[in-house]
Every structure is written in structure tokens, then in C-alpha cells.
Amino acid sequence: MLKHLFIVSFTLLTILNVYSQSADKVLEDYLEAIGGKTHLENLETIVMSGKSEMAGIEFPVTICQKAPSKSYTEVYVMG
């Protein structure tokens, strides 16, 4: 039983080490996927939209941020 546990543990640790990535590699791949560091530095506007819930009522929320320091939030609720 102990031998099987050792074999399973060793196999799992080996698999995790083979497939793990460093934080730098993950960040590098993400920057490449969104167009590169230059593209990110030239970004001027970010718009985030989603849903929120309060007291069992769900409502849409939009947050807009514009460089250098402007932002606004839209919340649509019944009332």
C-alpha cells in the first residue's frame, strides 16, 4: 500500500513540475495575447460591464475609466 502511495505521489509531483509555468511566463503570454506591452501602454479607456445583485434584485452595472484620471459608473435599478 505504501509503495502504491509513493508511486502515485511521485507521478503527481512529476506531472505538476512538467506543466507548471512561472508567473513571468504567464504574464509574458498574456501581454502577447492582448497585443504586447506597447499596446497596453497606449490604452486610454477601459469599460467593464457586468451584473450585480442586492436584496435578491439583479441589475446591470457599467464602469468606464478613461486616462489619466476620469471614471464613471452606471447602475440601472428599478425604482
PDB file of N, CA and C in Angstrom:
ATOM      1  N   MET A   1       0.826  -1.198   0.000  1.00  0.00           N
ATOM      2  CA  MET A   1       0.000   0.000   0.000  1.00  0.00           C
ATOM      3  C   MET A   1       0.865   1.253   0.000  1.00  0.00           C
ATOM      4  N   LEU A   2       1.884   1.238   0.828  1.00  0.00           N
ATOM      5  CA  LEU A   2       2.783   2.387   0.912  1.00  0.00           C
ATOM      6  C   LEU A   2       3.534   2.586  -0.398  1.00  0.00           C
ATOM      7  N   LYS A   3       3.889   1.475  -1.034  1.00  0.00           N
ATOM      8  CA  LYS A   3       4.586   1.544  -2.325  1.00  0.00           C
ATOM      9  C   LYS A   3       3.705   2.212  -3.376  1.00  0.00           C
ATOM     10  N   HIS A   4       2.408   1.866  -3.402  1.00  0.00           N
ATOM     11  CA  HIS A   4       1.480   2.452  -4.367  1.00  0.00           C
ATOM     12  C   HIS A   4       1.277   3.944  -4.097  1.00  0.00           C
ATOM     13  N   LEU A   5       1.198   4.290  -2.828  1.00  0.00           N
ATOM     14  CA  LEU A   5       1.041   5.696  -2.462  1.00  0.00           C
ATOM     15  C   LEU A   5       2.253   6.506  -2.904  1.00  0.00           C
ATOM     16  N   PHE A   6       3.443   5.945  -2.735  1.00  0.00           N
ATOM     17  CA  PHE A   6       4.668   6.611  -3.155  1.00  0.00           C
ATOM     18  C   PHE A   6       4.684   6.802  -4.670  1.00  0.00           C
ATOM     19  N   ILE A   7       4.303   5.779  -5.410  1.00  0.00           N
ATOM     20  CA  ILE A   7       4.301   5.853  -6.877  1.00  0.00           C
ATOM     21  C   ILE A   7       3.309   6.907  -7.351  1.00  0.00           C
ATOM     22  N   VAL A   8       2.117   6.932  -6.780  1.00  0.00           N
ATOM     23  CA  VAL A   8       1.103   7.925  -7.158  1.00  0.00           C
ATOM     24  C   VAL A   8       1.582   9.334  -6.815  1.00  0.00           C
ATOM     25  N   SER A   9       2.152   9.515  -5.625  1.00  0.00           N
ATOM     26  CA  SER A   9       2.644  10.829  -5.210  1.00  0.00           C
ATOM     27  C   SER A   9       3.764  11.296  -6.120  1.00  0.00           C
ATOM     28  N   PHE A  10       4.695  10.418  -6.427  1.00  0.00           N
ATOM     29  CA  PHE A  10       5.807  10.773  -7.304  1.00  0.00           C
ATOM     30  C   PHE A  10       5.305  11.156  -8.693  1.00  0.00           C
ATOM     31  N   THR A  11       4.353  10.403  -9.213  1.00  0.00           N
ATOM     32  CA  THR A  11       3.799  10.697 -10.540  1.00  0.00           C
ATOM     33  C   THR A  11       3.102  12.051 -10.557  1.00  0.00           C
ATOM     34  N   LEU A  12       2.302  12.347  -9.546  1.00  0.00           N
ATOM     35  CA  LEU A  12       1.603  13.632  -9.495  1.00  0.00           C
ATOM     36  C   LEU A  12       2.580  14.796  -9.387  1.00  0.00           C
ATOM     37  N   LEU A  13       3.594  14.667  -8.551  1.00  0.00           N
ATOM     38  CA  LEU A  13       4.585  15.734  -8.412  1.00  0.00           C
ATOM     39  C   LEU A  13       5.354  15.951  -9.707  1.00  0.00           C
ATOM     40  N   THR A  14       5.672  14.886 -10.410  1.00  0.00           N
ATOM     41  CA  THR A  14       6.374  14.994 -11.684  1.00  0.00           C
ATOM     42  C   THR A  14       5.507  15.709 -12.712  1.00  0.00           C
ATOM     43  N   ILE A  15       4.242  15.354 -12.782  1.00  0.00           N
ATOM     44  CA  ILE A  15       3.322  15.992 -13.733  1.00  0.00           C
ATOM     45  C   ILE A  15       3.174  17.474 -13.413  1.00  0.00           C
ATOM     46  N   LEU A  16       3.028  17.819 -12.135  1.00  0.00           N
ATOM     47  CA  LEU A  16       2.878  19.227 -11.764  1.00  0.00           C
ATOM     48  C   LEU A  16       4.116  20.030 -12.123  1.00  0.00           C
ATOM     49  N   ASN A  17       5.296  19.479 -11.939  1.00  0.00           N
ATOM     50  CA  ASN A  17       6.516  20.198 -12.278  1.00  0.00           C
ATOM     51  C   ASN A  17       6.686  20.368 -13.774  1.00  0.00           C
ATOM     52  N   VAL A  18       6.265  19.399 -14.557  1.00  0.00           N
ATOM     53  CA  VAL A  18       6.397  19.483 -16.015  1.00  0.00           C
ATOM     54  C   VAL A  18       5.464  20.534 -16.586  1.00  0.00           C
ATOM     55  N   TYR A  19       4.238  20.631 -16.083  1.00  0.00           N
ATOM     56  CA  TYR A  19       3.245  21.520 -16.648  1.00  0.00           C
ATOM     57  C   TYR A  19       3.136  22.877 -15.963  1.00  0.00           C
ATOM     58  N   SER A  20       3.875  23.118 -14.909  1.00  0.00           N
ATOM     59  CA  SER A  20       3.772  24.396 -14.217  1.00  0.00           C
ATOM     60  C   SER A  20       4.506  25.483 -15.001  1.00  0.00           C
ATOM     61  N   GLN A  21       4.026  26.713 -14.871  1.00  0.00           N
ATOM     62  CA  GLN A  21       4.637  27.871 -15.518  1.00  0.00           C
ATOM     63  C   GLN A  21       4.968  28.887 -14.448  1.00  0.00           C
ATOM     64  N   SER A  22       5.981  29.673 -14.721  1.00  0.00           N
ATOM     65  CA  SER A  22       6.311  30.731 -13.777  1.00  0.00           C
ATOM     66  C   SER A  22       5.350  31.896 -13.979  1.00  0.00           C
ATOM     67  N   ALA A  23       5.258  32.743 -12.984  1.00  0.00           N
ATOM     68  CA  ALA A  23       4.388  33.921 -13.088  1.00  0.00           C
ATOM     69  C   ALA A  23       4.853  34.815 -14.224  1.00  0.00           C
ATOM     70  N   ASP A  24       6.164  34.929 -14.413  1.00  0.00           N
ATOM     71  CA  ASP A  24       6.693  35.756 -15.507  1.00  0.00           C
ATOM     72  C   ASP A  24       6.255  35.226 -16.867  1.00  0.00           C
ATOM     73  N   LYS A  25       6.273  33.905 -17.034  1.00  0.00           N
ATOM     74  CA  LYS A  25       5.860  33.304 -18.312  1.00  0.00           C
ATOM     75  C   LYS A  25       4.372  33.521 -18.559  1.00  0.00           C
ATOM     76  N   VAL A  26       3.553  33.397 -17.537  1.00  0.00           N
ATOM     77  CA  VAL A  26       2.115  33.617 -17.678  1.00  0.00           C
ATOM     78  C   VAL A  26       1.848  35.065 -18.079  1.00  0.00           C
ATOM     79  N   LEU A  27       2.521  36.008 -17.403  1.00  0.00           N
ATOM     80  CA  LEU A  27       2.356  37.422 -17.717  1.00  0.00           C
ATOM     81  C   LEU A  27       2.844  37.738 -19.125  1.00  0.00           C
ATOM     82  N   GLU A  28       3.964  37.169 -19.519  1.00  0.00           N
ATOM     83  CA  GLU A  28       4.505  37.374 -20.867  1.00  0.00           C
ATOM     84  C   GLU A  28       3.532  36.880 -21.935  1.00  0.00           C
ATOM     85  N   ASP A  29       2.961  35.696 -21.724  1.00  0.00           N
ATOM     86  CA  ASP A  29       1.988  35.141 -22.673  1.00  0.00           C
ATOM     87  C   ASP A  29       0.723  35.987 -22.738  1.00  0.00           C
ATOM     88  N   TYR A  30       0.278  36.496 -21.583  1.00  0.00           N
ATOM     89  CA  TYR A  30      -0.918  37.338 -21.549  1.00  0.00           C
ATOM     90  C   TYR A  30      -0.680  38.640 -22.320  1.00  0.00           C
ATOM     91  N   LEU A  31       0.461  39.284 -22.081  1.00  0.00           N
ATOM     92  CA  LEU A  31       0.766  40.526 -22.792  1.00  0.00           C
ATOM     93  C   LEU A  31       0.826  40.297 -24.293  1.00  0.00           C
ATOM     94  N   GLU A  32       1.397  39.179 -24.712  1.00  0.00           N
ATOM     95  CA  GLU A  32       1.462  38.862 -26.133  1.00  0.00           C
ATOM     96  C   GLU A  32       0.061  38.648 -26.706  1.00  0.00           C
ATOM     97  N   ALA A  33      -0.813  38.014 -25.941  1.00  0.00           N
ATOM     98  CA  ALA A  33      -2.169  37.723 -26.407  1.00  0.00           C
ATOM     99  C   ALA A  33      -3.001  38.990 -26.580  1.00  0.00           C
ATOM    100  N   ILE A  34      -2.746  40.034 -25.782  1.00  0.00           N
ATOM    101  CA  ILE A  34      -3.538  41.263 -25.885  1.00  0.00           C
ATOM    102  C   ILE A  34      -2.888  42.321 -26.777  1.00  0.00           C
ATOM    103  N   GLY A  35      -1.798  41.967 -27.441  1.00  0.00           N
ATOM    104  CA  GLY A  35      -1.214  42.895 -28.402  1.00  0.00           C
ATOM    105  C   GLY A  35       0.133  43.456 -28.007  1.00  0.00           C
ATOM    106  N   GLY A  36       0.685  43.046 -26.898  1.00  0.00           N
ATOM    107  CA  GLY A  36       2.010  43.472 -26.499  1.00  0.00           C
ATOM    108  C   GLY A  36       1.999  44.598 -25.476  1.00  0.00           C
ATOM    109  N   LYS A  37       3.180  44.828 -24.901  1.00  0.00           N
ATOM    110  CA  LYS A  37       3.328  45.834 -23.854  1.00  0.00           C
ATOM    111  C   LYS A  37       3.057  47.241 -24.388  1.00  0.00           C
ATOM    112  N   THR A  38       3.464  47.524 -25.624  1.00  0.00           N
ATOM    113  CA  THR A  38       3.238  48.841 -26.214  1.00  0.00           C
ATOM    114  C   THR A  38       1.747  49.125 -26.340  1.00  0.00           C
ATOM    115  N   HIS A  39       0.997  48.132 -26.759  1.00  0.00           N
ATOM    116  CA  HIS A  39      -0.455  48.286 -26.878  1.00  0.00           C
ATOM    117  C   HIS A  39      -1.071  48.609 -25.519  1.00  0.00           C
ATOM    118  N   LEU A  40      -0.615  47.929 -24.482  1.00  0.00           N
ATOM    119  CA  LEU A  40      -1.133  48.157 -23.135  1.00  0.00           C
ATOM    120  C   LEU A  40      -0.781  49.557 -22.637  1.00  0.00           C
ATOM    121  N   GLU A  41       0.425  50.020 -22.941  1.00  0.00           N
ATOM    122  CA  GLU A  41       0.846  51.354 -22.501  1.00  0.00           C
ATOM    123  C   GLU A  41       0.060  52.459 -23.206  1.00  0.00           C
ATOM    124  N   ASN A  42      -0.412  52.206 -24.423  1.00  0.00           N
ATOM    125  CA  ASN A  42      -1.175  53.206 -25.179  1.00  0.00           C
ATOM    126  C   ASN A  42      -2.670  53.159 -24.907  1.00  0.00           C
ATOM    127  N   LEU A  43      -3.106  52.247 -24.062  1.00  0.00           N
ATOM    128  CA  LEU A  43      -4.515  52.099 -23.721  1.00  0.00           C
ATOM    129  C   LEU A  43      -5.012  53.327 -22.969  1.00  0.00           C
ATOM    130  N   GLU A  44      -6.122  53.900 -23.403  1.00  0.00           N
ATOM    131  CA  GLU A  44      -6.655  55.107 -22.767  1.00  0.00           C
ATOM    132  C   GLU A  44      -8.003  54.895 -22.100  1.00  0.00           C
ATOM    133  N   THR A  45      -8.783  53.913 -22.539  1.00  0.00           N
ATOM    134  CA  THR A  45     -10.123  53.710 -21.994  1.00  0.00           C
ATOM    135  C   THR A  45     -10.347  52.232 -21.682  1.00  0.00           C
ATOM    136  N   ILE A  46     -10.940  51.980 -20.520  1.00  0.00           N
ATOM    137  CA  ILE A  46     -11.323  50.626 -20.122  1.00  0.00           C
ATOM    138  C   ILE A  46     -12.799  50.658 -19.748  1.00  0.00           C
ATOM    139  N   VAL A  47     -13.583  49.753 -20.316  1.00  0.00           N
ATOM    140  CA  VAL A  47     -15.006  49.654 -19.991  1.00  0.00           C
ATOM    141  C   VAL A  47     -15.263  48.244 -19.461  1.00  0.00           C
ATOM    142  N   MET A  48     -15.835  48.178 -18.276  1.00  0.00           N
ATOM    143  CA  MET A  48     -16.174  46.898 -17.659  1.00  0.00           C
ATOM    144  C   MET A  48     -17.678  46.863 -17.446  1.00  0.00           C
ATOM    145  N   SER A  49     -18.301  45.783 -17.828  1.00  0.00           N
ATOM    146  CA  SER A  49     -19.741  45.677 -17.612  1.00  0.00           C
ATOM    147  C   SER A  49     -20.057  44.314 -17.015  1.00  0.00           C
ATOM    148  N   GLY A  50     -21.109  44.286 -16.228  1.00  0.00           N
ATOM    149  CA  GLY A  50     -21.488  43.039 -15.587  1.00  0.00           C
ATOM    150  C   GLY A  50     -22.809  43.187 -14.866  1.00  0.00           C
ATOM    151  N   LYS A  51     -23.080  42.251 -13.999  1.00  0.00           N
ATOM    152  CA  LYS A  51     -24.317  42.257 -13.232  1.00  0.00           C
ATOM    153  C   LYS A  51     -23.979  42.240 -11.755  1.00  0.00           C
ATOM    154  N   SER A  52     -24.817  42.882 -10.980  1.00  0.00           N
ATOM    155  CA  SER A  52     -24.669  42.878  -9.534  1.00  0.00           C
ATOM    156  C   SER A  52     -26.005  42.490  -8.926  1.00  0.00           C
ATOM    157  N   GLU A  53     -25.978  42.115  -7.672  1.00  0.00           N
ATOM    158  CA  GLU A  53     -27.219  41.715  -7.016  1.00  0.00           C
ATOM    159  C   GLU A  53     -27.244  42.272  -5.601  1.00  0.00           C
ATOM    160  N   MET A  54     -28.393  42.821  -5.242  1.00  0.00           N
ATOM    161  CA  MET A  54     -28.581  43.324  -3.881  1.00  0.00           C
ATOM    162  C   MET A  54     -30.016  43.046  -3.481  1.00  0.00           C
ATOM    163  N   ALA A  55     -30.219  42.495  -2.317  1.00  0.00           N
ATOM    164  CA  ALA A  55     -31.542  42.173  -1.785  1.00  0.00           C
ATOM    165  C   ALA A  55     -32.345  41.309  -2.759  1.00  0.00           C
ATOM    166  N   GLY A  56     -31.641  40.409  -3.462  1.00  0.00           N
ATOM    167  CA  GLY A  56     -32.303  39.493  -4.380  1.00  0.00           C
ATOM    168  C   GLY A  56     -32.663  40.095  -5.723  1.00  0.00           C
ATOM    169  N   ILE A  57     -32.297  41.358  -5.969  1.00  0.00           N
ATOM    170  CA  ILE A  57     -32.602  42.020  -7.243  1.00  0.00           C
ATOM    171  C   ILE A  57     -31.305  42.157  -8.029  1.00  0.00           C
ATOM    172  N   GLU A  58     -31.312  41.634  -9.249  1.00  0.00           N
ATOM    173  CA  GLU A  58     -30.137  41.705 -10.112  1.00  0.00           C
ATOM    174  C   GLU A  58     -30.250  42.917 -11.026  1.00  0.00           C
ATOM    175  N   PHE A  59     -29.145  43.640 -11.213  1.00  0.00           N
ATOM    176  CA  PHE A  59     -29.156  44.830 -12.064  1.00  0.00           C
ATOM    177  C   PHE A  59     -27.811  44.970 -12.784  1.00  0.00           C
ATOM    178  N   PRO A  60     -27.839  45.578 -13.998  1.00  0.00           N
ATOM    179  CA  PRO A  60     -26.603  45.750 -14.757  1.00  0.00           C
ATOM    180  C   PRO A  60     -25.766  46.917 -14.227  1.00  0.00           C
ATOM    181  N   VAL A  61     -24.446  46.757 -14.321  1.00  0.00           N
ATOM    182  CA  VAL A  61     -23.501  47.777 -13.882  1.00  0.00           C
ATOM    183  C   VAL A  61     -22.452  47.951 -14.983  1.00  0.00           C
ATOM    184  N   THR A  62     -22.120  49.205 -15.307  1.00  0.00           N
ATOM    185  CA  THR A  62     -21.057  49.512 -16.261  1.00  0.00           C
ATOM    186  C   THR A  62     -20.106  50.510 -15.613  1.00  0.00           C
ATOM    187  N   ILE A  63     -18.818  50.210 -15.672  1.00  0.00           N
ATOM    188  CA  ILE A  63     -17.796  51.102 -15.137  1.00  0.00           C
ATOM    189  C   ILE A  63     -16.877  51.485 -16.284  1.00  0.00           C
ATOM    190  N   CYS A  64     -16.682  52.775 -16.487  1.00  0.00           N
ATOM    191  CA  CYS A  64     -15.827  53.279 -17.558  1.00  0.00           C
ATOM    192  C   CYS A  64     -14.703  54.105 -16.940  1.00  0.00           C
ATOM    193  N   GLN A  65     -13.457  53.779 -17.288  1.00  0.00           N
ATOM    194  CA  GLN A  65     -12.310  54.537 -16.818  1.00  0.00           C
ATOM    195  C   GLN A  65     -11.544  55.062 -18.015  1.00  0.00           C
ATOM    196  N   LYS A  66     -11.228  56.359 -17.986  1.00  0.00           N
ATOM    197  CA  LYS A  66     -10.511  56.988 -19.077  1.00  0.00           C
ATOM    198  C   LYS A  66      -9.282  57.686 -18.514  1.00  0.00           C
ATOM    199  N   ALA A  67      -8.152  57.538 -19.200  1.00  0.00           N
ATOM    200  CA  ALA A  67      -6.899  58.149 -18.746  1.00  0.00           C
ATOM    201  C   ALA A  67      -7.010  59.658 -18.827  1.00  0.00           C
ATOM    202  N   PRO A  68      -6.389  60.414 -17.983  1.00  0.00           N
ATOM    203  CA  PRO A  68      -5.499  59.984 -16.918  1.00  0.00           C
ATOM    204  C   PRO A  68      -6.234  59.688 -15.613  1.00  0.00           C
ATOM    205  N   SER A  69      -7.361  60.340 -15.315  1.00  0.00           N
ATOM    206  CA  SER A  69      -7.992  60.089 -14.008  1.00  0.00           C
ATOM    207  C   SER A  69      -9.494  60.331 -14.034  1.00  0.00           C
ATOM    208  N   LYS A  70     -10.147  59.924 -15.093  1.00  0.00           N
ATOM    209  CA  LYS A  70     -11.590  60.108 -15.191  1.00  0.00           C
ATOM    210  C   LYS A  70     -12.268  58.746 -15.144  1.00  0.00           C
ATOM    211  N   SER A  71     -13.413  58.689 -14.462  1.00  0.00           N
ATOM    212  CA  SER A  71     -14.183  57.456 -14.446  1.00  0.00           C
ATOM    213  C   SER A  71     -15.633  57.755 -14.110  1.00  0.00           C
ATOM    214  N   TYR A  72     -16.506  56.854 -14.537  1.00  0.00           N
ATOM    215  CA  TYR A  72     -17.901  56.946 -14.131  1.00  0.00           C
ATOM    216  C   TYR A  72     -18.491  55.551 -14.044  1.00  0.00           C
ATOM    217  N   THR A  73     -19.545  55.421 -13.262  1.00  0.00           N
ATOM    218  CA  THR A  73     -20.213  54.158 -13.043  1.00  0.00           C
ATOM    219  C   THR A  73     -21.698  54.321 -13.346  1.00  0.00           C
ATOM    220  N   GLU A  74     -22.242  53.421 -14.148  1.00  0.00           N
ATOM    221  CA  GLU A  74     -23.672  53.418 -14.448  1.00  0.00           C
ATOM    222  C   GLU A  74     -24.296  52.210 -13.755  1.00  0.00           C
ATOM    223  N   VAL A  75     -25.372  52.464 -13.020  1.00  0.00           N
ATOM    224  CA  VAL A  75     -26.097  51.396 -12.349  1.00  0.00           C
ATOM    225  C   VAL A  75     -27.568  51.588 -12.678  1.00  0.00           C
ATOM    226  N   TYR A  76     -28.204  50.573 -13.272  1.00  0.00           N
ATOM    227  CA  TYR A  76     -29.612  50.663 -13.622  1.00  0.00           C
ATOM    228  C   TYR A  76     -30.421  49.822 -12.640  1.00  0.00           C
ATOM    229  N   VAL A  77     -31.273  50.503 -11.870  1.00  0.00           N
ATOM    230  CA  VAL A  77     -32.124  49.795 -10.913  1.00  0.00           C
ATOM    231  C   VAL A  77     -33.574  50.266 -11.082  1.00  0.00           C
ATOM    232  N   MET A  78     -34.488  49.405 -10.697  1.00  0.00           N
ATOM    233  CA  MET A  78     -35.893  49.789 -10.777  1.00  0.00           C
ATOM    234  C   MET A  78     -36.214  50.677  -9.586  1.00  0.00           C
ATOM    235  N   GLY A  79     -37.112  51.609  -9.770  1.00  0.00           N
ATOM    236  CA  GLY A  79     -37.481  52.426  -8.631  1.00  0.00           C
ATOM    237  C   GLY A  79     -38.018  53.686  -9.087  1.00  0.00           C
TER     238      GLY A  79
END
